[in-house]
Amino acid sequence: MRIIYNKIDDITVSGGEKNSCCVINPAGKFTAEILENSSFDAVFIFTDATRFDARISLTGKASSCNISALYALNGDKKTDFTATVEHKNAAAVSRQTVKGVAADRASFSFYGIIDVHEHSVKTDAEQLHMGLLLSDDAKITASPQLLIRNDDVKCSHGSAVGDLDKNQMFYLRSRGIGEADAKKILIRAFFADILEKIDDVDTKKTCYTELGFEYDD
């Protein structure tokens, strides 16, 4: 998995290939077209103010994409992320997972769309956003949408925003762990399910570092 900073070029994936990348603080607009039996996997890391619009077109039959995004924002940083996945052919599969934390006066906005076209039967699509607010002045907004034009699909979406689990915090504090370290442990665990799926060790280490954590090999 290659690492890209800020700007990612538009791509077309074909020939049954798999294209994967990790983009740190992406900005601007990005489009990807995925042809038959091909796939695109991406991890987007947001730690700075930016605006990013990604559009993935599953044009080919049995094409797929797995889009993950993690954000850790503080200060007055403001990030807007739009992700659109278009299912344009049969038996295409897509996954969108967005997770993150906002502290101080930071704000994060996620606008996610799964657009299933009329003849895109056997579509399998999932979209999930989960956010943690670490201060009263931080703000997280999410708008997940499903646009479905046929009835032979399996689609789901969801969004949840809340605080760190008070019971988990109490447990860690009762074991002599300071408040700041306890928060860091819980936030690291919150991100881990996505980060640990990254096969390339150097890329995984970079992602942990960008999010403010040490990587334990």
Protein backbone atom coordinates (compact mmCIF):
# COMPACT_ATOMS: atom_id res chain seq x y z
CA MET A 1 0.00 0.00 0.00
CA ARG A 2 1.63 3.24 -1.15
CA ILE A 3 1.52 6.42 0.93
CA ILE A 4 0.42 9.70 -0.66
CA TYR A 5 0.43 13.15 0.93
CA ASN A 6 -2.31 15.70 0.24
CA LYS A 7 -3.07 15.29 -3.46
CA ILE A 8 -4.09 12.01 -5.05
CA ASP A 9 -4.38 11.72 -8.83
CA ASP A 10 -7.48 10.30 -10.51
CA ILE A 11 -7.19 6.63 -11.38
CA THR A 12 -8.79 3.81 -13.38
CA VAL A 13 -8.38 0.24 -12.13
CA SER A 14 -8.85 -2.54 -14.69
CA GLY A 15 -7.75 -6.01 -15.68
CA GLY A 16 -8.76 -7.63 -12.42
CA GLU A 17 -6.11 -5.65 -10.54
CA LYS A 18 -6.24 -4.30 -6.99
CA ASN A 19 -5.10 -0.73 -6.33
CA SER A 20 -4.52 0.34 -2.73
CA CYS A 21 -3.22 3.51 -1.10
CA CYS A 22 -3.07 5.51 2.11
CA VAL A 23 -3.52 9.26 1.74
CA ILE A 24 -2.48 11.66 4.50
CA ASN A 25 -4.61 14.82 4.70
CA PRO A 26 -6.06 14.54 1.19
CA ALA A 27 -7.34 17.72 -0.41
CA GLY A 28 -9.30 18.73 -3.49
CA LYS A 29 -11.25 16.33 -5.68
CA PHE A 30 -10.50 12.73 -6.55
CA THR A 31 -12.23 10.26 -8.87
CA ALA A 32 -11.65 6.56 -9.39
CA GLU A 33 -13.25 4.27 -11.95
CA ILE A 34 -13.19 0.56 -11.11
CA LEU A 35 -13.74 -1.84 -14.00
CA GLU A 36 -14.80 -5.50 -14.11
CA ASN A 37 -13.43 -7.76 -11.34
CA SER A 38 -11.09 -5.00 -10.18
CA SER A 39 -10.87 -3.35 -6.76
CA PHE A 40 -9.74 -0.18 -5.02
CA ASP A 41 -8.86 0.09 -1.32
CA ALA A 42 -8.00 3.40 0.34
CA VAL A 43 -7.32 4.71 3.83
CA PHE A 44 -7.68 8.47 4.26
CA ILE A 45 -6.10 10.06 7.35
CA PHE A 46 -7.28 13.53 8.42
CA THR A 47 -5.26 15.41 11.06
CA ASP A 48 -5.31 18.91 9.58
CA ALA A 49 -7.83 21.33 8.15
CA THR A 50 -8.84 20.32 4.64
CA ARG A 51 -11.70 19.80 2.22
CA PHE A 52 -11.78 16.55 0.23
CA ASP A 53 -14.29 15.14 -2.25
CA ALA A 54 -13.85 11.51 -3.36
CA ARG A 55 -16.03 9.88 -6.02
CA ILE A 56 -15.67 6.16 -6.72
CA SER A 57 -17.47 4.67 -9.74
CA LEU A 58 -17.94 0.90 -9.70
CA THR A 59 -18.41 0.71 -13.45
CA GLY A 60 -17.54 -2.94 -14.05
CA LYS A 61 -19.38 -6.07 -13.05
CA ALA A 62 -18.15 -7.55 -9.74
CA SER A 63 -15.97 -4.51 -9.07
CA SER A 64 -15.35 -3.44 -5.47
CA CYS A 65 -13.99 -0.74 -3.19
CA ASN A 66 -13.16 -0.44 0.49
CA ILE A 67 -12.90 3.16 1.66
CA SER A 68 -11.77 3.88 5.23
CA ALA A 69 -11.22 7.29 6.78
CA LEU A 70 -9.82 8.19 10.19
CA TYR A 71 -9.75 11.70 11.65
CA ALA A 72 -8.10 13.19 14.75
CA LEU A 73 -8.64 16.95 14.90
CA ASN A 74 -7.88 19.55 17.55
CA GLY A 75 -7.48 23.30 17.93
CA ASP A 76 -9.61 25.21 15.40
CA LYS A 77 -9.12 22.73 12.55
CA LYS A 78 -12.07 22.17 10.26
CA THR A 79 -12.31 19.26 7.82
CA ASP A 80 -15.02 18.44 5.28
CA PHE A 81 -15.05 14.99 3.69
CA THR A 82 -17.46 13.91 0.96
CA ALA A 83 -17.44 10.33 -0.29
CA THR A 84 -19.66 9.13 -3.13
CA VAL A 85 -19.71 5.54 -4.31
CA GLU A 86 -21.69 4.84 -7.48
CA HIS A 87 -22.77 1.29 -8.20
CA LYS A 88 -23.15 1.20 -11.99
CA ASN A 89 -23.07 -2.53 -12.68
CA ALA A 90 -24.17 -5.84 -11.22
CA ALA A 91 -22.62 -7.63 -8.23
CA ALA A 92 -20.45 -4.72 -7.13
CA VAL A 93 -19.38 -4.47 -3.48
CA SER A 94 -18.52 -1.36 -1.51
CA ARG A 95 -17.57 -0.56 2.08
CA GLN A 96 -17.26 2.90 3.64
CA THR A 97 -16.04 3.23 7.23
CA VAL A 98 -15.33 6.62 8.80
CA LYS A 99 -14.18 6.96 12.42
CA GLY A 100 -12.61 9.79 14.35
CA VAL A 101 -12.30 12.21 17.23
CA ALA A 102 -12.65 15.98 17.53
CA ALA A 103 -11.20 17.99 20.43
CA ASP A 104 -11.01 21.65 21.47
CA ARG A 105 -12.97 23.69 18.88
CA ALA A 106 -12.29 21.40 15.91
CA SER A 107 -15.04 20.26 13.56
CA PHE A 108 -15.47 17.39 11.15
CA SER A 109 -18.20 17.02 8.54
CA PHE A 110 -18.89 13.81 6.63
CA TYR A 111 -21.25 13.63 3.67
CA GLY A 112 -21.47 10.07 2.38
CA ILE A 113 -23.50 8.74 -0.54
CA ILE A 114 -24.11 5.25 -1.87
CA ASP A 115 -25.75 5.62 -5.29
CA VAL A 116 -27.12 2.36 -6.72
CA HIS A 117 -28.14 2.64 -10.37
CA GLU A 118 -31.21 1.00 -11.88
CA HIS A 119 -29.60 -2.12 -13.37
CA SER A 120 -27.01 -2.65 -10.63
CA VAL A 121 -28.58 -5.80 -9.22
CA LYS A 122 -26.90 -7.87 -6.49
CA THR A 123 -25.32 -4.74 -5.05
CA ASP A 124 -23.70 -5.19 -1.64
CA ALA A 125 -22.97 -1.86 0.06
CA GLU A 126 -22.26 -0.76 3.63
CA GLN A 127 -21.56 2.67 5.08
CA LEU A 128 -20.73 3.49 8.72
CA HIS A 129 -19.62 6.63 10.56
CA MET A 130 -18.63 6.76 14.24
CA GLY A 131 -17.34 9.90 15.97
CA LEU A 132 -16.13 10.83 19.45
CA LEU A 133 -16.39 14.34 20.86
CA LEU A 134 -13.61 15.16 23.32
CA SER A 135 -14.80 18.65 24.29
CA ASP A 136 -18.01 20.65 24.55
CA ASP A 137 -16.89 23.01 21.80
CA ALA A 138 -15.96 20.34 19.24
CA LYS A 139 -18.41 19.48 16.49
CA ILE A 140 -19.02 16.41 14.35
CA THR A 141 -21.73 16.20 11.71
CA ALA A 142 -22.55 13.28 9.43
CA SER A 143 -25.03 12.85 6.61
CA PRO A 144 -25.07 9.27 5.26
CA GLN A 145 -27.38 8.68 2.30
CA LEU A 146 -28.59 5.74 0.24
CA LEU A 147 -29.93 6.31 -3.27
CA ILE A 148 -31.32 2.97 -4.46
CA ARG A 149 -32.98 2.50 -7.84
CA ASN A 150 -33.68 -1.26 -7.77
CA ASP A 151 -34.88 -3.79 -5.21
CA ASP A 152 -32.29 -6.55 -5.62
CA VAL A 153 -29.67 -5.11 -3.26
CA LYS A 154 -28.18 -5.46 0.19
CA CYS A 155 -27.43 -2.00 1.57
CA SER A 156 -26.98 -0.50 5.01
CA HIS A 157 -25.77 2.72 6.57
CA GLY A 158 -25.44 4.23 10.03
CA SER A 159 -23.91 7.02 12.05
CA ALA A 160 -23.26 7.61 15.75
CA VAL A 161 -21.57 10.45 17.64
CA GLY A 162 -20.89 10.42 21.37
CA ASP A 163 -18.35 10.67 24.18
CA LEU A 164 -15.72 8.26 25.43
CA ASP A 165 -17.25 5.39 27.40
CA LYS A 166 -17.39 6.50 31.05
CA ASN A 167 -17.28 2.93 32.34
CA GLN A 168 -14.14 2.18 30.37
CA MET A 169 -12.58 5.41 31.58
CA PHE A 170 -13.46 4.53 35.19
CA TYR A 171 -11.93 1.06 34.80
CA LEU A 172 -8.65 2.41 33.48
CA ARG A 173 -8.50 5.17 36.11
CA SER A 174 -9.17 2.62 38.84
CA ARG A 175 -6.07 0.76 37.66
CA GLY A 176 -3.93 3.81 38.33
CA ILE A 177 -3.84 5.16 34.77
CA GLY A 178 -3.98 8.95 34.49
CA GLU A 179 -6.88 10.61 32.66
CA ALA A 180 -4.84 11.71 29.63
CA ASP A 181 -3.27 8.28 29.19
CA ALA A 182 -6.65 6.55 29.66
CA LYS A 183 -8.17 8.68 26.90
CA LYS A 184 -5.26 7.88 24.62
CA ILE A 185 -5.64 4.15 25.22
CA LEU A 186 -9.36 4.23 24.39
CA ILE A 187 -8.89 6.37 21.27
CA ARG A 188 -6.09 4.12 20.03
CA ALA A 189 -8.36 1.10 20.47
CA PHE A 190 -11.14 2.97 18.66
CA PHE A 191 -8.90 3.31 15.58
CA ALA A 192 -7.24 -0.09 15.80
CA ASP A 193 -9.85 -2.17 13.93
CA ILE A 194 -9.07 -0.22 10.74
CA LEU A 195 -5.34 0.33 11.24
CA GLU A 196 -4.59 -3.29 12.05
CA LYS A 197 -6.03 -4.38 8.69
CA ILE A 198 -3.22 -2.56 6.88
CA ASP A 199 -0.80 -5.26 5.73
CA ASP A 200 2.22 -3.07 5.02
CA VAL A 201 4.05 -2.42 8.31
CA ASP A 202 5.65 0.86 7.21
CA THR A 203 2.29 2.25 6.10
CA LYS A 204 0.64 1.11 9.33
CA LYS A 205 3.39 2.76 11.38
CA THR A 206 2.99 6.03 9.43
CA CYS A 207 -0.76 6.03 10.06
CA TYR A 208 -0.34 5.48 13.79
CA THR A 209 2.25 8.26 13.95
CA GLU A 210 0.10 10.71 12.00
CA LEU A 211 -2.77 10.07 14.41
CA GLY A 212 -0.51 10.73 17.41
CA PHE A 213 0.27 7.20 18.59
CA GLU A 214 3.35 5.04 18.87
CA TYR A 215 3.24 1.85 16.85
CA ASP A 216 3.98 -1.31 18.83
CA ASP A 217 5.29 -3.95 16.46
